[in-house]
N, C-alpha and C. Protein backbone atom coordinates (compact mmCIF):
# COMPACT_ATOMS: atom_id res chain seq x y z
N MET A 1 1.27 18.08 41.52
CA MET A 1 0.46 17.53 41.61
C MET A 1 0.00 17.29 40.08
N ASN A 2 0.14 16.10 39.30
CA ASN A 2 -0.73 16.01 38.26
C ASN A 2 -1.88 15.68 38.28
N ASN A 3 -3.01 15.63 37.36
CA ASN A 3 -4.35 15.75 37.52
C ASN A 3 -4.97 14.07 37.86
N ASN A 4 -3.70 13.58 37.70
CA ASN A 4 -4.60 11.95 37.81
C ASN A 4 -4.28 11.85 39.08
N MET A 5 -3.10 12.27 39.78
CA MET A 5 -2.79 11.66 41.34
C MET A 5 -3.88 12.50 42.08
N MET A 6 -4.24 13.73 41.53
CA MET A 6 -5.48 14.18 42.24
C MET A 6 -6.56 13.30 42.85
N GLN A 7 -6.82 13.16 41.01
CA GLN A 7 -7.95 12.11 41.05
C GLN A 7 -7.94 11.11 42.13
N GLN A 8 -6.98 9.98 41.75
CA GLN A 8 -6.45 9.39 43.11
C GLN A 8 -6.65 9.24 44.18
N ASN A 9 -6.19 10.77 44.81
CA ASN A 9 -6.46 10.85 45.99
C ASN A 9 -7.77 11.17 46.47
N ASN A 10 -8.58 11.40 45.45
CA ASN A 10 -9.99 11.99 45.88
C ASN A 10 -11.02 10.65 45.90
N LEU A 11 -10.65 9.43 45.54
CA LEU A 11 -11.15 8.49 45.44
C LEU A 11 -12.03 7.90 46.80
N SER A 12 -13.22 7.21 45.88
CA SER A 12 -13.93 6.00 47.44
C SER A 12 -13.47 5.48 47.52
N ARG A 13 -13.83 4.93 49.02
CA ARG A 13 -13.28 3.42 49.16
C ARG A 13 -14.47 2.70 49.35
N VAL A 14 -14.49 1.30 48.84
CA VAL A 14 -15.79 0.43 48.82
C VAL A 14 -14.39 -0.78 49.32
N SER A 15 -15.29 -1.34 50.58
CA SER A 15 -14.52 -2.95 50.77
C SER A 15 -14.86 -3.86 49.66
N ILE A 16 -14.07 -4.53 49.43
CA ILE A 16 -14.04 -6.06 48.71
C ILE A 16 -15.34 -6.84 48.48
N SER A 17 -15.77 -7.28 49.98
CA SER A 17 -17.09 -7.77 50.31
C SER A 17 -18.05 -6.82 49.81
N GLU A 18 -18.38 -5.70 49.99
CA GLU A 18 -19.07 -4.97 49.58
C GLU A 18 -19.25 -4.98 48.10
N LEU A 19 -18.19 -4.82 47.37
CA LEU A 19 -18.44 -4.74 46.38
C LEU A 19 -18.36 -6.20 45.37
N THR A 20 -17.97 -7.44 46.07
CA THR A 20 -18.52 -8.91 45.33
C THR A 20 -19.70 -9.02 45.39
N SER A 21 -20.00 -7.97 46.53
CA SER A 21 -21.70 -8.62 47.02
C SER A 21 -22.55 -8.09 45.82
N LYS A 22 -22.43 -6.96 44.94
CA LYS A 22 -22.71 -7.13 44.17
C LYS A 22 -22.27 -7.34 42.37
N MET A 23 -21.22 -7.60 42.04
CA MET A 23 -20.72 -7.66 41.00
C MET A 23 -19.15 -8.63 41.18
N LYS A 24 -19.42 -9.84 40.88
CA LYS A 24 -18.15 -10.93 41.03
C LYS A 24 -17.49 -11.44 39.78
N SER A 25 -18.15 -10.83 38.66
CA SER A 25 -17.49 -10.70 37.30
C SER A 25 -17.42 -10.26 36.16
N LYS A 26 -16.63 -10.13 35.49
CA LYS A 26 -16.16 -9.05 34.68
C LYS A 26 -17.79 -8.98 33.70
N LYS A 27 -18.47 -9.66 33.80
CA LYS A 27 -19.87 -8.90 32.76
C LYS A 27 -20.73 -8.28 33.86
N GLU A 28 -20.53 -8.88 35.28
CA GLU A 28 -21.60 -7.61 36.09
C GLU A 28 -20.86 -6.22 36.24
N LEU A 29 -19.11 -6.80 36.13
CA LEU A 29 -18.62 -5.04 36.54
C LEU A 29 -18.84 -3.73 35.02
N TYR A 30 -19.22 -4.15 33.91
CA TYR A 30 -19.32 -4.23 32.98
C TYR A 30 -20.43 -3.58 32.78
N ASN A 31 -21.60 -4.39 33.29
CA ASN A 31 -22.77 -3.76 33.31
C ASN A 31 -23.13 -2.71 34.54
N PHE A 32 -22.36 -2.89 35.30
CA PHE A 32 -22.35 -1.64 36.46
C PHE A 32 -22.25 -0.10 35.71
N LEU A 33 -21.03 -0.46 34.94
CA LEU A 33 -20.42 1.21 34.40
C LEU A 33 -21.14 0.75 33.46
N LEU A 34 -21.78 0.41 32.40
CA LEU A 34 -22.46 0.59 31.47
C LEU A 34 -23.95 1.24 31.38
N GLN A 35 -24.68 0.49 32.58
CA GLN A 35 -25.58 0.93 32.87
C GLN A 35 -26.36 1.84 34.52
N ASP A 36 -25.38 1.53 35.30
CA ASP A 36 -26.07 1.95 36.46
C ASP A 36 -24.92 4.05 36.35
N CYS A 37 -23.77 3.43 35.93
CA CYS A 37 -22.93 4.82 35.65
C CYS A 37 -23.03 5.71 34.02
N GLN A 38 -23.84 4.73 33.30
CA GLN A 38 -24.27 5.20 31.87
C GLN A 38 -22.87 5.21 30.96
N ALA A 39 -22.22 4.85 31.42
CA ALA A 39 -20.66 5.41 30.63
C ALA A 39 -20.22 4.52 29.49
N TYR A 40 -19.90 5.40 28.53
CA TYR A 40 -19.72 4.48 27.10
C TYR A 40 -18.45 3.60 27.07
N LEU A 41 -18.79 2.47 26.96
CA LEU A 41 -17.58 1.28 26.64
C LEU A 41 -17.67 0.89 25.67
N PRO A 42 -16.39 0.68 25.28
CA PRO A 42 -16.20 -0.62 23.86
C PRO A 42 -17.39 -1.77 24.19
N PRO A 43 -17.44 -2.81 23.47
CA PRO A 43 -18.73 -3.61 23.39
C PRO A 43 -17.58 -4.93 24.27
N MET A 44 -18.22 -5.76 25.00
CA MET A 44 -18.12 -6.51 26.27
C MET A 44 -16.72 -7.72 25.56
N HIS A 45 -17.24 -7.85 24.26
CA HIS A 45 -16.23 -8.88 24.08
C HIS A 45 -14.83 -8.46 23.80
N SER A 46 -14.75 -6.93 23.38
CA SER A 46 -13.52 -6.22 23.28
C SER A 46 -12.91 -5.78 24.68
N THR A 47 -13.37 -5.82 25.46
CA THR A 47 -12.89 -5.08 26.59
C THR A 47 -12.69 -5.91 27.66
N ASN A 48 -11.04 -5.91 28.38
CA ASN A 48 -10.85 -6.75 29.78
C ASN A 48 -11.30 -6.34 30.87
N VAL A 49 -11.28 -6.90 31.59
CA VAL A 49 -11.55 -6.53 33.27
C VAL A 49 -10.33 -5.68 33.70
N TYR A 50 -9.09 -5.51 33.06
CA TYR A 50 -8.33 -4.64 33.51
C TYR A 50 -8.50 -3.09 33.25
N PHE A 51 -9.11 -3.05 31.97
CA PHE A 51 -9.29 -1.83 31.47
C PHE A 51 -10.35 -0.85 32.53
N LEU A 52 -11.57 -1.79 32.76
CA LEU A 52 -12.73 -1.77 33.52
C LEU A 52 -11.74 -1.27 34.73
N LYS A 53 -10.84 -1.78 35.15
CA LYS A 53 -10.64 -1.45 36.70
C LYS A 53 -9.80 -0.03 36.71
N GLN A 54 -9.26 0.12 35.34
CA GLN A 54 -8.70 1.38 35.67
C GLN A 54 -9.83 2.30 35.18
N ILE A 55 -11.08 2.06 34.76
CA ILE A 55 -11.66 3.38 34.68
C ILE A 55 -12.06 3.43 36.20
N MET A 56 -12.74 2.32 36.95
CA MET A 56 -13.20 2.27 38.11
C MET A 56 -11.97 3.08 39.30
N LYS A 57 -10.45 3.03 38.95
CA LYS A 57 -9.99 3.35 39.69
C LYS A 57 -9.73 4.99 38.96
N ALA A 58 -9.85 5.74 38.35
CA ALA A 58 -9.57 6.77 37.98
C ALA A 58 -8.42 6.73 37.13
N GLU A 59 -7.75 6.30 36.52
CA GLU A 59 -6.39 5.61 35.87
C GLU A 59 -6.69 5.97 34.49
N LYS A 60 -8.09 5.61 33.79
CA LYS A 60 -8.05 5.73 32.74
C LYS A 60 -9.38 7.04 32.72
N GLU A 61 -9.76 7.61 31.75
CA GLU A 61 -10.80 8.78 31.56
C GLU A 61 -12.10 7.82 31.14
N VAL A 62 -13.27 7.90 31.48
CA VAL A 62 -14.10 8.22 31.11
C VAL A 62 -15.02 9.50 31.13
N ARG A 63 -14.44 10.40 30.85
CA ARG A 63 -15.12 11.81 30.57
C ARG A 63 -14.32 12.53 29.83
N PHE A 64 -14.73 13.81 29.32
CA PHE A 64 -14.13 14.70 28.15
C PHE A 64 -14.21 16.32 29.03
N GLN A 65 -13.21 16.55 28.54
CA GLN A 65 -13.82 18.11 28.97
C GLN A 65 -14.25 19.13 27.39
N THR A 66 -15.40 19.50 28.45
CA THR A 66 -15.92 20.21 26.64
C THR A 66 -15.07 21.31 26.05
N PRO A 67 -15.31 21.98 25.25
CA PRO A 67 -14.87 22.66 24.21
C PRO A 67 -14.43 24.20 24.99
N SER A 68 -15.68 24.48 25.78
CA SER A 68 -15.19 25.74 27.34
C SER A 68 -14.07 25.52 27.73
N THR A 69 -14.01 24.41 27.66
CA THR A 69 -13.17 24.15 28.98
C THR A 69 -13.70 24.23 30.64
N VAL A 70 -14.59 24.69 30.37
CA VAL A 70 -15.46 25.18 31.85
C VAL A 70 -16.29 23.70 32.68
N THR A 71 -16.59 22.93 32.11
CA THR A 71 -17.33 21.83 32.88
C THR A 71 -16.45 20.64 32.29
N ILE A 72 -16.94 19.33 32.90
CA ILE A 72 -16.15 18.76 33.23
C ILE A 72 -17.34 17.72 32.97
N GLN A 73 -17.83 16.47 32.28
CA GLN A 73 -18.67 15.85 31.62
C GLN A 73 -17.87 14.40 31.91
N TYR A 74 -19.21 13.29 32.00
CA TYR A 74 -18.32 12.05 31.92
C TYR A 74 -18.88 11.60 30.51
N ILE A 75 -18.07 10.57 29.84
CA ILE A 75 -18.77 10.50 28.74
C ILE A 75 -19.87 9.69 29.07
N LYS A 76 -20.98 9.94 28.85
CA LYS A 76 -22.46 8.99 29.20
C LYS A 76 -22.66 8.74 27.23
N ARG A 77 -23.26 7.88 27.72
CA ARG A 77 -23.82 7.23 26.15
C ARG A 77 -24.52 8.06 25.27
N ASP A 78 -25.33 8.90 26.51
CA ASP A 78 -26.01 10.28 25.30
C ASP A 78 -25.25 11.36 24.98
N LYS A 79 -23.99 11.50 25.26
CA LYS A 79 -23.10 12.69 25.26
C LYS A 79 -22.07 12.47 24.35
N VAL A 80 -22.14 11.07 23.90
CA VAL A 80 -20.81 10.74 22.86
C VAL A 80 -21.60 11.39 21.34
N ILE A 81 -20.83 11.79 20.57
CA ILE A 81 -20.71 12.13 19.05
C ILE A 81 -20.73 10.95 18.08
N VAL A 82 -21.64 10.12 18.43
CA VAL A 82 -21.61 9.06 17.11
C VAL A 82 -20.68 9.49 15.74
N ALA A 83 -19.92 8.56 15.46
CA ALA A 83 -19.04 8.92 13.98
C ALA A 83 -19.46 8.19 13.09
N ALA A 84 -19.78 8.17 11.83
CA ALA A 84 -20.37 7.38 11.11
C ALA A 84 -19.38 7.14 10.15
N VAL A 85 -18.38 6.22 9.98
CA VAL A 85 -16.97 5.91 9.57
C VAL A 85 -16.88 4.93 8.41
N PRO A 86 -16.76 5.44 7.47
CA PRO A 86 -16.61 4.54 5.80
C PRO A 86 -15.77 3.31 6.37
N GLN A 87 -15.54 2.38 5.76
CA GLN A 87 -14.81 1.61 5.51
C GLN A 87 -13.80 1.73 4.39
N ILE A 88 -12.76 2.63 4.50
CA ILE A 88 -11.79 2.74 3.27
C ILE A 88 -10.83 2.75 4.32
N GLU A 89 -9.33 2.98 3.02
CA GLU A 89 -7.48 3.05 3.42
C GLU A 89 -7.50 3.47 4.30
N GLY A 90 -6.90 3.97 5.12
CA GLY A 90 -6.84 5.08 6.24
C GLY A 90 -7.45 5.56 7.24
N LEU A 91 -8.50 4.37 7.36
CA LEU A 91 -9.52 4.38 8.63
C LEU A 91 -10.04 3.04 8.97
N THR A 92 -8.54 2.83 9.27
CA THR A 92 -8.59 1.20 9.89
C THR A 92 -8.19 1.75 11.36
N VAL A 93 -8.80 0.69 12.57
CA VAL A 93 -8.28 0.84 13.82
C VAL A 93 -7.09 1.09 14.25
N GLU A 94 -6.34 0.32 13.71
CA GLU A 94 -4.50 0.72 13.63
C GLU A 94 -4.35 2.12 13.13
N ASP A 95 -4.84 2.88 12.03
CA ASP A 95 -4.30 4.52 11.65
C ASP A 95 -5.54 5.14 12.99
N MET A 96 -6.35 4.85 13.28
CA MET A 96 -7.02 5.83 14.49
C MET A 96 -5.95 5.68 15.61
N LEU A 97 -5.75 4.57 15.93
CA LEU A 97 -4.36 3.92 16.97
C LEU A 97 -3.17 5.05 16.42
N GLU A 98 -3.11 5.24 15.76
CA GLU A 98 -1.65 6.13 15.30
C GLU A 98 -2.21 7.82 15.65
N LEU A 99 -3.10 8.28 15.24
CA LEU A 99 -3.66 9.16 15.55
C LEU A 99 -3.77 9.35 16.91
N ALA A 100 -4.02 8.08 17.92
CA ALA A 100 -4.28 8.69 19.16
C ALA A 100 -3.11 8.83 19.77
N LYS A 101 -2.24 8.09 19.28
CA LYS A 101 -0.63 8.25 19.96
C LYS A 101 0.07 9.33 20.03
N ARG A 102 -0.52 9.69 19.01
CA ARG A 102 -0.15 11.55 18.84
C ARG A 102 -0.59 12.44 19.98
N HIS A 103 -1.68 12.10 20.74
CA HIS A 103 -2.48 13.48 21.29
C HIS A 103 -2.84 12.40 22.73
N PRO A 104 -2.01 12.70 23.66
CA PRO A 104 -2.22 12.30 25.03
C PRO A 104 -3.28 12.72 25.93
N ASN A 105 -3.96 13.31 25.79
CA ASN A 105 -5.23 13.62 25.84
C ASN A 105 -6.53 12.55 25.76
N THR A 106 -6.12 12.04 24.01
CA THR A 106 -6.77 10.96 23.53
C THR A 106 -6.15 9.78 24.15
N MET A 107 -5.28 9.45 24.40
CA MET A 107 -4.52 8.30 25.03
C MET A 107 -5.79 7.89 26.31
N LYS A 108 -5.81 8.67 27.45
CA LYS A 108 -6.34 8.87 28.49
C LYS A 108 -7.75 7.94 28.09
N HIS A 109 -8.33 7.97 27.26
CA HIS A 109 -9.48 7.24 27.32
C HIS A 109 -9.60 6.11 26.54
N LEU A 110 -8.23 5.47 26.36
CA LEU A 110 -8.08 4.13 25.85
C LEU A 110 -7.59 3.11 26.09
N PRO A 111 -7.92 2.25 26.03
CA PRO A 111 -7.15 1.02 26.98
C PRO A 111 -5.82 0.85 27.04
N ASP A 112 -4.99 0.37 27.71
CA ASP A 112 -3.34 0.41 27.44
C ASP A 112 -3.02 -0.38 25.74
N ALA A 113 -2.07 0.19 25.58
CA ALA A 113 -1.47 -0.40 24.37
C ALA A 113 -1.75 -2.37 24.08
N ARG A 114 -1.04 -2.79 25.08
CA ARG A 114 -1.06 -3.97 25.43
C ARG A 114 -2.39 -4.65 25.20
N ASP A 115 -3.64 -3.67 25.47
CA ASP A 115 -5.29 -4.37 25.39
C ASP A 115 -5.53 -4.01 23.85
N TRP A 116 -4.61 -3.25 22.87
CA TRP A 116 -5.64 -3.38 21.77
C TRP A 116 -6.11 -4.35 20.79
N ASP A 117 -5.53 -5.42 20.86
CA ASP A 117 -5.44 -6.33 19.81
C ASP A 117 -6.99 -6.78 19.06
N HIS A 118 -8.12 -6.28 20.16
CA HIS A 118 -9.20 -6.85 19.67
C HIS A 118 -10.32 -5.38 19.79
N MET A 119 -9.51 -4.22 19.82
CA MET A 119 -10.21 -2.87 19.75
C MET A 119 -11.10 -2.68 18.59
N ASP A 120 -12.46 -2.13 19.22
CA ASP A 120 -13.79 -2.04 18.57
C ASP A 120 -13.69 -1.01 17.76
N ARG A 121 -13.70 -1.17 16.78
CA ARG A 121 -13.52 0.27 15.42
C ARG A 121 -15.29 1.27 15.77
N LYS A 122 -16.17 0.47 15.56
CA LYS A 122 -16.88 1.89 16.19
C LYS A 122 -16.55 2.32 17.12
N TRP A 123 -16.49 1.59 18.65
CA TRP A 123 -15.96 2.15 19.80
C TRP A 123 -14.96 3.50 19.53
N LEU A 124 -14.09 3.02 18.82
CA LEU A 124 -12.88 3.43 18.79
C LEU A 124 -13.36 4.86 18.14
N SER A 125 -13.87 5.18 16.70
CA SER A 125 -14.39 6.21 16.42
C SER A 125 -15.11 6.95 17.14
N ASP A 126 -16.30 6.08 18.03
CA ASP A 126 -17.15 7.20 18.27
C ASP A 126 -16.41 7.77 19.61
N ILE A 127 -15.64 7.35 19.96
CA ILE A 127 -14.45 7.75 21.50
C ILE A 127 -13.59 9.10 20.43
N MET A 128 -12.94 8.86 19.82
CA MET A 128 -12.00 9.85 19.01
C MET A 128 -13.11 10.88 18.43
N ASN A 129 -14.26 10.85 17.84
CA ASN A 129 -15.09 11.51 17.56
C ASN A 129 -15.26 12.79 18.71
N THR A 130 -15.79 11.89 19.46
CA THR A 130 -16.16 12.84 21.26
C THR A 130 -14.83 13.72 21.43
N VAL A 131 -13.75 13.05 21.69
CA VAL A 131 -12.67 13.91 22.72
C VAL A 131 -11.78 14.56 21.63
N ASP A 132 -11.59 14.36 20.37
CA ASP A 132 -10.88 14.82 19.65
C ASP A 132 -11.46 15.28 18.09
N ARG A 133 -12.62 15.78 18.02
CA ARG A 133 -13.53 15.85 16.68
C ARG A 133 -12.98 16.27 15.67
N GLN A 134 -12.14 17.31 15.76
CA GLN A 134 -11.85 17.98 14.68
C GLN A 134 -10.87 17.18 14.19
N ARG A 135 -9.57 16.80 15.06
CA ARG A 135 -8.17 16.09 14.19
C ARG A 135 -8.96 14.71 13.72
N PHE A 136 -9.88 14.04 14.28
CA PHE A 136 -10.62 12.91 13.70
C PHE A 136 -11.41 13.69 12.24
N GLU A 137 -12.09 14.64 12.47
CA GLU A 137 -12.97 14.67 11.27
C GLU A 137 -12.14 14.74 9.93
N LYS A 138 -10.94 15.24 10.35
CA LYS A 138 -9.74 15.58 9.14
C LYS A 138 -8.84 14.39 8.73
N MET A 139 -8.99 13.56 9.70
CA MET A 139 -8.49 12.22 9.48
C MET A 139 -9.26 11.77 8.29
N VAL A 140 -10.98 11.61 8.60
CA VAL A 140 -11.80 10.78 7.41
C VAL A 140 -12.04 11.55 6.37
N LYS A 141 -11.76 13.05 6.73
CA LYS A 141 -11.50 13.74 5.23
C LYS A 141 -11.13 12.95 4.34
N ASP A 142 -9.53 13.65 5.06
CA ASP A 142 -8.45 13.07 4.08
C ASP A 142 -8.25 12.11 3.52
N ALA A 143 -8.89 11.13 4.52
CA ALA A 143 -8.40 9.69 3.56
C ALA A 143 -10.10 9.70 2.78
N ALA A 144 -10.95 9.81 2.48
CA ALA A 144 -11.99 9.81 1.93
C ALA A 144 -11.53 10.84 0.58
N LYS A 145 -10.79 11.78 1.14
CA LYS A 145 -10.15 12.92 -0.29
C LYS A 145 -9.25 11.45 -0.88
N ASP A 146 -8.58 11.21 -0.36
CA ASP A 146 -7.52 10.12 -1.01
C ASP A 146 -8.12 8.83 -1.52
N ARG A 147 -9.22 8.44 -1.43
CA ARG A 147 -9.94 7.09 -1.64
C ARG A 147 -10.33 7.67 -3.43
N LYS A 148 -11.07 9.04 -3.13
CA LYS A 148 -11.68 9.24 -4.29
C LYS A 148 -10.81 9.49 -5.66
N ALA A 149 -9.43 10.12 -5.26
CA ALA A 149 -8.15 10.67 -5.94
C ALA A 149 -7.73 9.07 -6.64
N ARG A 150 -7.98 8.30 -5.35
CA ARG A 150 -7.27 6.48 -6.30
C ARG A 150 -8.03 6.21 -7.29
N LEU A 151 -9.35 6.21 -6.71
CA LEU A 151 -10.55 5.64 -7.85
C LEU A 151 -10.21 6.60 -8.98
N GLU A 152 -10.01 7.91 -9.10
CA GLU A 152 -10.35 8.44 -10.29
C GLU A 152 -9.47 8.36 -11.15
N GLU A 153 -8.03 7.72 -10.68
CA GLU A 153 -6.85 7.68 -11.20
C GLU A 153 -6.83 6.21 -11.71
N LYS A 154 -7.43 5.07 -10.78
CA LYS A 154 -7.69 3.97 -11.23
C LYS A 154 -8.80 3.87 -12.48
N ARG A 155 -9.99 4.52 -11.96
CA ARG A 155 -11.26 4.05 -13.46
C ARG A 155 -10.75 5.11 -14.57
N ASN A 156 -9.50 5.86 -14.94
CA ASN A 156 -9.04 6.55 -15.71
C ASN A 156 -10.25 8.08 -15.97
N LEU A 157 -10.53 8.10 -15.01
CA LEU A 157 -11.78 9.32 -14.56
C LEU A 157 -11.05 10.52 -14.57
N VAL A 158 -9.66 11.15 -14.43
CA VAL A 158 -9.03 12.10 -14.87
C VAL A 158 -8.83 12.67 -16.30
N VAL A 159 -9.19 14.38 -16.02
CA VAL A 159 -8.91 14.97 -17.62
C VAL A 159 -7.42 15.37 -17.81
N GLU A 160 -6.77 15.13 -18.52
CA GLU A 160 -5.40 16.01 -18.84
C GLU A 160 -5.83 17.35 -19.24
N MET A 161 -5.43 18.60 -19.03
CA MET A 161 -5.70 19.66 -19.56
C MET A 161 -4.63 20.20 -19.34
N ARG A 162 -4.43 21.36 -20.23
CA ARG A 162 -3.36 22.83 -20.00
C ARG A 162 -3.12 23.45 -18.80
N PRO A 163 -2.66 24.00 -17.93
CA PRO A 163 -2.79 24.43 -16.64
C PRO A 163 -3.32 25.83 -16.85
N GLU A 164 -3.48 26.25 -17.80
CA GLU A 164 -3.96 27.58 -18.06
C GLU A 164 -5.91 27.34 -17.71
N PHE A 165 -6.04 26.21 -18.62
CA PHE A 165 -7.58 25.81 -19.01
C PHE A 165 -8.13 25.44 -17.78
N GLU A 166 -7.17 24.26 -16.86
CA GLU A 166 -7.26 24.54 -15.35
C GLU A 166 -7.80 25.14 -14.50
N GLN A 167 -6.72 26.50 -14.56
CA GLN A 167 -7.14 27.54 -13.85
C GLN A 167 -8.99 27.91 -14.73
N ALA A 168 -8.86 28.40 -15.75
CA ALA A 168 -10.10 28.67 -16.41
C ALA A 168 -11.61 27.96 -15.86
N PHE A 169 -11.10 26.80 -16.08
CA PHE A 169 -11.95 26.09 -15.61
C PHE A 169 -12.58 25.73 -14.27
N LYS A 170 -11.18 26.17 -12.87
CA LYS A 170 -11.81 26.31 -11.96
C LYS A 170 -12.54 27.95 -11.36
N ASN A 171 -11.99 28.97 -12.48
CA ASN A 171 -12.55 29.86 -12.51
C ASN A 171 -14.35 30.24 -12.91
N SER A 172 -14.30 29.30 -13.94
CA SER A 172 -15.69 29.10 -14.46
C SER A 172 -16.86 28.94 -13.76
N MET A 173 -17.92 29.92 -14.21
CA MET A 173 -19.39 30.08 -13.27
C MET A 173 -20.32 29.33 -14.04
N SER A 174 -20.14 28.46 -15.13
CA SER A 174 -20.52 27.78 -16.29
C SER A 174 -20.86 26.29 -15.76
N PHE A 175 -22.27 26.17 -15.70
CA PHE A 175 -22.54 24.50 -15.41
C PHE A 175 -23.54 23.66 -16.33
N SER A 176 -23.23 22.37 -16.53
CA SER A 176 -24.45 21.92 -17.64
C SER A 176 -25.52 21.47 -16.65
N SER A 177 -26.53 22.08 -17.72
CA SER A 177 -27.98 21.30 -16.87
C SER A 177 -28.34 19.86 -17.55
N LYS A 178 -27.14 18.96 -17.51
CA LYS A 178 -27.31 17.92 -18.36
C LYS A 178 -26.56 16.83 -17.32
N ALA A 179 -27.00 16.21 -17.01
CA ALA A 179 -26.33 14.89 -15.99
C ALA A 179 -25.37 14.31 -17.20
N LEU A 180 -24.23 13.88 -16.42
CA LEU A 180 -23.10 13.34 -16.98
C LEU A 180 -23.04 12.19 -16.27
N ILE A 181 -23.44 10.95 -17.19
CA ILE A 181 -23.42 9.40 -17.06
C ILE A 181 -22.09 9.11 -17.37
N VAL A 182 -21.28 8.42 -16.72
CA VAL A 182 -20.19 7.97 -16.87
C VAL A 182 -20.29 6.06 -16.81
N ASP A 183 -19.81 5.43 -17.31
CA ASP A 183 -20.31 4.03 -17.48
C ASP A 183 -18.86 3.32 -16.46
């Protein structure tokens, strides 16, 4: 039996009348998960009620397994590893979702693909940085490296030299004490 089936079999049951006595709207359900359960959720405007229901029914994950694989914790707001992701080519929501699609464990934490139209970039990057930090950091570093290479080429900041000079340059221990100012 897979993990999702086991989780669903262990669900508590609450009557609709009890549930609706406390929450009648998407906003109230959202606030319950966010405040009372301390779940880390996307902004309400980019979340639909179906994703919130999937979280309640354990069909979508709002928890992660720590690297030690011993403890499972809910992704509470204080456990989220916040990501500072630059707004550059290669780090769009679509790029991040492409990375997530290749890793089923990451997909368990995201809304279904049909609900990706208004995915919040900040929430997505924080979730990916929390549940798949190594791959996500590599994606950010690779995009930054590609951007730097494009800018250097575009601004003609690349110096051509013989291969043996390049090797000598890389091996050189000499450093200038004067700052180089490029206009």
